[in-house]
Amino acid sequence: MKEKGRGKEPSFQVGFVAYRDFNDAGQLNVTQLTEHTDTVCAAVDRESASGGGDAPEDVCGAFHMANGLAWRPRSAKFAILICDAPCHNTTAKRFHSYGDSHVHDKDPRGYLDPDDQLVAMREKGIRVMITEMTNGSLETMLGMFEAKYNTPDNKFKLKRLKSDPSKVKEDVEAFVRDISTEIAATISLNFM
């Protein structure tokens, strides 16, 4: 959100980064930040779960693409990760214990590790919220993400949004409520 001028309504932009696993069709699809929510809704509607030969997904690529969006300066910035699988391991970092066919010393594209991508988001003032669409199987990854993102000098902490795959309708309502609360808190701290 960005205030257009004293006494005027704030404007907002939304974007969307869809991600899958390495070598899957549509591995990374990006809809740039825009004030046209119908554009983003159409992009979301075109997506469906598919692909994957192993459990991990290209969370690193998704974070890299989100970091590369044209975020407005002096605005409240939010990134919401909705995940049902962990990121890929590196030889130095174990984000999970699943079979992983893409373990690497360094991201093959030269991107930072996912937790280092989160540090870049934090440094840009991007609030990160994550909802796990599993029953707790991403705990190791999320704990590592929190350890990197949450620092004593960071006024906002990585926020986990609760989710239970067996209660989709209730979770969507709670998800919207949690996001609304976080947005209101950020705006009041940053702009009031």
C-alpha atoms as a PDB file:
ATOM      1  CA  MET A   1       0.000   0.000   0.000  1.00  0.00           C
ATOM      2  CA  LYS A   2       1.138   3.491  -0.656  1.00  0.00           C
ATOM      3  CA  GLU A   3      -0.438   6.748   0.321  1.00  0.00           C
ATOM      4  CA  LYS A   4      -1.085   8.779  -2.832  1.00  0.00           C
ATOM      5  CA  GLY A   5      -1.263  12.060  -0.966  1.00  0.00           C
ATOM      6  CA  ARG A   6      -2.480  13.557   2.284  1.00  0.00           C
ATOM      7  CA  GLY A   7      -6.196  12.936   2.709  1.00  0.00           C
ATOM      8  CA  LYS A   8      -6.399  10.622  -0.316  1.00  0.00           C
ATOM      9  CA  GLU A   9      -7.169   6.935  -0.387  1.00  0.00           C
ATOM     10  CA  PRO A  10      -4.176   4.619  -0.340  1.00  0.00           C
ATOM     11  CA  SER A  11      -3.572   2.433  -3.364  1.00  0.00           C
ATOM     12  CA  PHE A  12      -2.377  -1.127  -3.377  1.00  0.00           C
ATOM     13  CA  GLN A  13      -0.730  -3.550  -5.717  1.00  0.00           C
ATOM     14  CA  VAL A  14      -0.783  -7.322  -5.780  1.00  0.00           C
ATOM     15  CA  GLY A  15       1.359  -9.816  -7.642  1.00  0.00           C
ATOM     16  CA  PHE A  16       1.628 -13.567  -7.840  1.00  0.00           C
ATOM     17  CA  VAL A  17       4.491 -16.043  -8.082  1.00  0.00           C
ATOM     18  CA  ALA A  18       3.512 -19.634  -8.825  1.00  0.00           C
ATOM     19  CA  TYR A  19       6.219 -22.228  -8.355  1.00  0.00           C
ATOM     20  CA  ARG A  20       6.719 -25.928  -8.905  1.00  0.00           C
ATOM     21  CA  ASP A  21       9.732 -28.217  -8.938  1.00  0.00           C
ATOM     22  CA  PHE A  22      12.769 -28.047 -11.208  1.00  0.00           C
ATOM     23  CA  ASN A  23      12.005 -29.271 -14.736  1.00  0.00           C
ATOM     24  CA  ASP A  24       8.217 -29.104 -14.263  1.00  0.00           C
ATOM     25  CA  ALA A  25       6.225 -27.202 -16.893  1.00  0.00           C
ATOM     26  CA  GLY A  26       5.502 -23.716 -15.596  1.00  0.00           C
ATOM     27  CA  GLN A  27       8.188 -24.035 -12.919  1.00  0.00           C
ATOM     28  CA  LEU A  28       8.031 -20.293 -12.167  1.00  0.00           C
ATOM     29  CA  ASN A  29       5.163 -18.114 -13.368  1.00  0.00           C
ATOM     30  CA  VAL A  30       5.269 -14.479 -12.300  1.00  0.00           C
ATOM     31  CA  THR A  31       2.509 -11.886 -12.451  1.00  0.00           C
ATOM     32  CA  GLN A  32       4.130  -8.524 -11.743  1.00  0.00           C
ATOM     33  CA  LEU A  33       2.789  -6.189  -9.072  1.00  0.00           C
ATOM     34  CA  THR A  34      -0.253  -4.322 -10.375  1.00  0.00           C
ATOM     35  CA  GLU A  35      -3.273  -2.391  -9.153  1.00  0.00           C
ATOM     36  CA  HIS A  36      -5.417  -4.600 -11.419  1.00  0.00           C
ATOM     37  CA  THR A  37      -6.518  -7.382  -9.095  1.00  0.00           C
ATOM     38  CA  ASP A  38      -8.453  -9.080 -11.912  1.00  0.00           C
ATOM     39  CA  THR A  39      -5.124  -9.740 -13.677  1.00  0.00           C
ATOM     40  CA  VAL A  40      -3.747 -11.479 -10.598  1.00  0.00           C
ATOM     41  CA  CYS A  41      -6.977 -13.410  -9.944  1.00  0.00           C
ATOM     42  CA  ALA A  42      -6.886 -14.704 -13.532  1.00  0.00           C
ATOM     43  CA  ALA A  43      -3.280 -15.855 -13.042  1.00  0.00           C
ATOM     44  CA  VAL A  44      -4.222 -17.663  -9.831  1.00  0.00           C
ATOM     45  CA  ASP A  45      -7.221 -19.289 -11.535  1.00  0.00           C
ATOM     46  CA  ARG A  46      -4.965 -20.666 -14.299  1.00  0.00           C
ATOM     47  CA  GLU A  47      -2.783 -22.522 -11.785  1.00  0.00           C
ATOM     48  CA  SER A  48      -3.249 -26.108 -10.656  1.00  0.00           C
ATOM     49  CA  ALA A  49      -1.098 -28.554  -8.713  1.00  0.00           C
ATOM     50  CA  SER A  50       0.907 -30.799 -11.009  1.00  0.00           C
ATOM     51  CA  GLY A  51       4.287 -32.378 -11.660  1.00  0.00           C
ATOM     52  CA  GLY A  52       7.029 -33.297  -9.259  1.00  0.00           C
ATOM     53  CA  GLY A  53       9.051 -36.459  -8.994  1.00  0.00           C
ATOM     54  CA  ASP A  54      10.132 -35.776  -5.438  1.00  0.00           C
ATOM     55  CA  ALA A  55       8.518 -33.934  -2.539  1.00  0.00           C
ATOM     56  CA  PRO A  56      10.617 -30.715  -2.494  1.00  0.00           C
ATOM     57  CA  GLU A  57       9.669 -27.727  -4.631  1.00  0.00           C
ATOM     58  CA  ASP A  58      11.512 -24.675  -5.965  1.00  0.00           C
ATOM     59  CA  VAL A  59      10.808 -22.395  -2.993  1.00  0.00           C
ATOM     60  CA  CYS A  60      14.188 -20.767  -3.624  1.00  0.00           C
ATOM     61  CA  GLY A  61      13.113 -19.732  -7.126  1.00  0.00           C
ATOM     62  CA  ALA A  62       9.795 -18.415  -5.808  1.00  0.00           C
ATOM     63  CA  PHE A  63      11.549 -16.279  -3.188  1.00  0.00           C
ATOM     64  CA  HIS A  64      14.022 -15.034  -5.807  1.00  0.00           C
ATOM     65  CA  MET A  65      11.174 -13.990  -8.123  1.00  0.00           C
ATOM     66  CA  ALA A  66       9.309 -12.298  -5.244  1.00  0.00           C
ATOM     67  CA  ASN A  67      12.459 -10.381  -4.304  1.00  0.00           C
ATOM     68  CA  GLY A  68      12.738  -9.236  -7.923  1.00  0.00           C
ATOM     69  CA  LEU A  69       9.258  -7.717  -8.120  1.00  0.00           C
ATOM     70  CA  ALA A  70       9.061  -3.929  -8.487  1.00  0.00           C
ATOM     71  CA  TRP A  71       8.152  -3.229  -4.855  1.00  0.00           C
ATOM     72  CA  ARG A  72       7.248   0.399  -4.226  1.00  0.00           C
ATOM     73  CA  PRO A  73       9.505   2.286  -1.855  1.00  0.00           C
ATOM     74  CA  ARG A  74       7.813   3.571   1.327  1.00  0.00           C
ATOM     75  CA  SER A  75       5.020   1.022   1.103  1.00  0.00           C
ATOM     76  CA  ALA A  76       3.779  -1.786   3.278  1.00  0.00           C
ATOM     77  CA  LYS A  77       5.065  -4.951   1.612  1.00  0.00           C
ATOM     78  CA  PHE A  78       3.809  -8.495   2.172  1.00  0.00           C
ATOM     79  CA  ALA A  79       4.822 -11.849   0.762  1.00  0.00           C
ATOM     80  CA  ILE A  80       2.632 -14.847   1.538  1.00  0.00           C
ATOM     81  CA  LEU A  81       4.047 -18.301   0.905  1.00  0.00           C
ATOM     82  CA  ILE A  82       1.472 -21.070   0.628  1.00  0.00           C
ATOM     83  CA  CYS A  83       3.309 -24.381   0.654  1.00  0.00           C
ATOM     84  CA  ASP A  84       2.615 -28.081   0.862  1.00  0.00           C
ATOM     85  CA  ALA A  85       6.201 -29.242   0.375  1.00  0.00           C
ATOM     86  CA  PRO A  86       9.634 -28.143   1.560  1.00  0.00           C
ATOM     87  CA  CYS A  87      12.337 -26.399  -0.422  1.00  0.00           C
ATOM     88  CA  HIS A  88      15.268 -28.372  -1.800  1.00  0.00           C
ATOM     89  CA  ASN A  89      18.145 -29.234   0.508  1.00  0.00           C
ATOM     90  CA  THR A  90      21.676 -28.046  -0.056  1.00  0.00           C
ATOM     91  CA  THR A  91      24.728 -30.050   0.901  1.00  0.00           C
ATOM     92  CA  ALA A  92      25.205 -27.668   3.843  1.00  0.00           C
ATOM     93  CA  LYS A  93      21.571 -27.228   4.922  1.00  0.00           C
ATOM     94  CA  ARG A  94      19.008 -29.891   5.690  1.00  0.00           C
ATOM     95  CA  PHE A  95      15.568 -28.306   5.394  1.00  0.00           C
ATOM     96  CA  HIS A  96      13.809 -31.699   5.464  1.00  0.00           C
ATOM     97  CA  SER A  97      14.326 -35.460   5.489  1.00  0.00           C
ATOM     98  CA  TYR A  98      12.445 -36.292   2.270  1.00  0.00           C
ATOM     99  CA  GLY A  99      14.051 -37.852  -0.791  1.00  0.00           C
ATOM    100  CA  ASP A 100      15.424 -34.962  -2.842  1.00  0.00           C
ATOM    101  CA  SER A 101      16.608 -35.358  -6.428  1.00  0.00           C
ATOM    102  CA  HIS A 102      17.980 -31.805  -6.616  1.00  0.00           C
ATOM    103  CA  VAL A 103      20.399 -31.475  -3.686  1.00  0.00           C
ATOM    104  CA  HIS A 104      23.109 -29.001  -4.607  1.00  0.00           C
ATOM    105  CA  ASP A 105      26.078 -27.099  -3.193  1.00  0.00           C
ATOM    106  CA  LYS A 106      24.700 -23.901  -4.667  1.00  0.00           C
ATOM    107  CA  ASP A 107      21.527 -23.135  -6.571  1.00  0.00           C
ATOM    108  CA  PRO A 108      22.204 -24.043 -10.213  1.00  0.00           C
ATOM    109  CA  ARG A 109      20.916 -20.629 -11.301  1.00  0.00           C
ATOM    110  CA  GLY A 110      23.139 -18.791  -8.816  1.00  0.00           C
ATOM    111  CA  TYR A 111      20.261 -17.760  -6.530  1.00  0.00           C
ATOM    112  CA  LEU A 112      20.795 -17.437  -2.797  1.00  0.00           C
ATOM    113  CA  ASP A 113      19.566 -20.258  -0.553  1.00  0.00           C
ATOM    114  CA  PRO A 114      15.897 -19.919   0.462  1.00  0.00           C
ATOM    115  CA  ASP A 115      16.691 -18.734   3.978  1.00  0.00           C
ATOM    116  CA  ASP A 116      19.126 -16.148   2.576  1.00  0.00           C
ATOM    117  CA  GLN A 117      16.369 -15.027   0.182  1.00  0.00           C
ATOM    118  CA  LEU A 118      14.270 -14.381   3.300  1.00  0.00           C
ATOM    119  CA  VAL A 119      17.048 -12.176   4.691  1.00  0.00           C
ATOM    120  CA  ALA A 120      16.905 -10.162   1.443  1.00  0.00           C
ATOM    121  CA  MET A 121      13.124  -9.803   1.887  1.00  0.00           C
ATOM    122  CA  ARG A 122      13.575  -8.687   5.487  1.00  0.00           C
ATOM    123  CA  GLU A 123      16.155  -6.098   4.405  1.00  0.00           C
ATOM    124  CA  LYS A 124      13.686  -4.731   1.822  1.00  0.00           C
ATOM    125  CA  GLY A 125      11.022  -4.434   4.526  1.00  0.00           C
ATOM    126  CA  ILE A 126       8.887  -7.242   3.111  1.00  0.00           C
ATOM    127  CA  ARG A 127       6.711  -8.898   5.754  1.00  0.00           C
ATOM    128  CA  VAL A 128       6.652 -12.641   5.222  1.00  0.00           C
ATOM    129  CA  MET A 129       3.763 -14.882   6.149  1.00  0.00           C
ATOM    130  CA  ILE A 130       3.761 -18.616   5.524  1.00  0.00           C
ATOM    131  CA  THR A 131       0.886 -21.041   5.591  1.00  0.00           C
ATOM    132  CA  GLU A 132       1.702 -24.729   5.592  1.00  0.00           C
ATOM    133  CA  MET A 133      -0.864 -26.865   3.811  1.00  0.00           C
ATOM    134  CA  THR A 134       0.303 -30.044   5.571  1.00  0.00           C
ATOM    135  CA  ASN A 135       0.050 -31.487   9.042  1.00  0.00           C
ATOM    136  CA  GLY A 136       3.356 -30.249  10.435  1.00  0.00           C
ATOM    137  CA  SER A 137       5.789 -31.944   8.028  1.00  0.00           C
ATOM    138  CA  LEU A 138       7.565 -28.667   7.205  1.00  0.00           C
ATOM    139  CA  GLU A 139       8.608 -27.866  10.760  1.00  0.00           C
ATOM    140  CA  THR A 140      12.375 -28.128  10.128  1.00  0.00           C
ATOM    141  CA  MET A 141      12.255 -25.796   7.116  1.00  0.00           C
ATOM    142  CA  LEU A 142       9.974 -23.283   8.804  1.00  0.00           C
ATOM    143  CA  GLY A 143      12.140 -23.270  11.931  1.00  0.00           C
ATOM    144  CA  MET A 144      15.216 -22.528   9.813  1.00  0.00           C
ATOM    145  CA  PHE A 145      13.347 -19.767   7.977  1.00  0.00           C
ATOM    146  CA  GLU A 146      12.288 -18.179  11.273  1.00  0.00           C
ATOM    147  CA  ALA A 147      15.857 -18.346  12.602  1.00  0.00           C
ATOM    148  CA  LYS A 148      17.112 -16.394   9.571  1.00  0.00           C
ATOM    149  CA  TYR A 149      14.245 -13.891   9.235  1.00  0.00           C
ATOM    150  CA  ASN A 150      13.541 -13.118  12.892  1.00  0.00           C
ATOM    151  CA  THR A 151      16.247 -10.884  14.292  1.00  0.00           C
ATOM    152  CA  PRO A 152      16.142  -8.713  17.411  1.00  0.00           C
ATOM    153  CA  ASP A 153      16.256  -5.507  15.326  1.00  0.00           C
ATOM    154  CA  ASN A 154      13.498  -6.604  12.922  1.00  0.00           C
ATOM    155  CA  LYS A 155      10.217  -5.144  14.205  1.00  0.00           C
ATOM    156  CA  PHE A 156       8.235  -7.757  12.291  1.00  0.00           C
ATOM    157  CA  LYS A 157       8.707 -11.478  12.670  1.00  0.00           C
ATOM    158  CA  LEU A 158       8.024 -14.202  10.139  1.00  0.00           C
ATOM    159  CA  LYS A 159       4.377 -15.048  10.733  1.00  0.00           C
ATOM    160  CA  ARG A 160       3.059 -18.580  10.454  1.00  0.00           C
ATOM    161  CA  LEU A 161      -0.575 -18.733   9.433  1.00  0.00           C
ATOM    162  CA  LYS A 162      -2.300 -21.796  10.756  1.00  0.00           C
ATOM    163  CA  SER A 163      -3.762 -24.319   8.346  1.00  0.00           C
ATOM    164  CA  ASP A 164      -5.438 -27.705   8.537  1.00  0.00           C
ATOM    165  CA  PRO A 165      -5.962 -29.382   5.147  1.00  0.00           C
ATOM    166  CA  SER A 166      -9.067 -31.158   6.459  1.00  0.00           C
ATOM    167  CA  LYS A 167     -10.769 -27.819   7.245  1.00  0.00           C
ATOM    168  CA  VAL A 168     -10.356 -25.838   4.046  1.00  0.00           C
ATOM    169  CA  LYS A 169     -13.365 -23.497   4.417  1.00  0.00           C
ATOM    170  CA  GLU A 170     -12.587 -22.596   8.031  1.00  0.00           C
ATOM    171  CA  ASP A 171      -8.913 -22.170   7.169  1.00  0.00           C
ATOM    172  CA  VAL A 172      -9.628 -19.778   4.293  1.00  0.00           C
ATOM    173  CA  GLU A 173     -11.694 -17.599   6.632  1.00  0.00           C
ATOM    174  CA  ALA A 174      -8.968 -17.690   9.310  1.00  0.00           C
ATOM    175  CA  PHE A 175      -6.290 -17.046   6.653  1.00  0.00           C
ATOM    176  CA  VAL A 176      -8.070 -13.915   5.421  1.00  0.00           C
ATOM    177  CA  ARG A 177      -8.595 -12.730   9.015  1.00  0.00           C
ATOM    178  CA  ASP A 178      -4.917 -13.293   9.918  1.00  0.00           C
ATOM    179  CA  ILE A 179      -3.688 -11.489   6.802  1.00  0.00           C
ATOM    180  CA  SER A 180      -6.057  -8.569   7.420  1.00  0.00           C
ATOM    181  CA  THR A 181      -4.809  -8.277  11.003  1.00  0.00           C
ATOM    182  CA  GLU A 182      -1.154  -8.312   9.881  1.00  0.00           C
ATOM    183  CA  ILE A 183      -1.778  -5.700   7.185  1.00  0.00           C
ATOM    184  CA  ALA A 184      -3.571  -3.407   9.650  1.00  0.00           C
ATOM    185  CA  ALA A 185      -0.721  -3.775  12.178  1.00  0.00           C
ATOM    186  CA  THR A 186       1.902  -2.991   9.551  1.00  0.00           C
ATOM    187  CA  ILE A 187       0.071   0.056   8.260  1.00  0.00           C
ATOM    188  CA  SER A 188      -0.433   1.443  11.767  1.00  0.00           C
ATOM    189  CA  LEU A 189       3.273   0.982  12.616  1.00  0.00           C
ATOM    190  CA  ASN A 190       4.598   2.315   9.303  1.00  0.00           C
ATOM    191  CA  PHE A 191       2.191   5.077   8.359  1.00  0.00           C
ATOM    192  CA  MET A 192       0.302   6.366  11.390  1.00  0.00           C
END
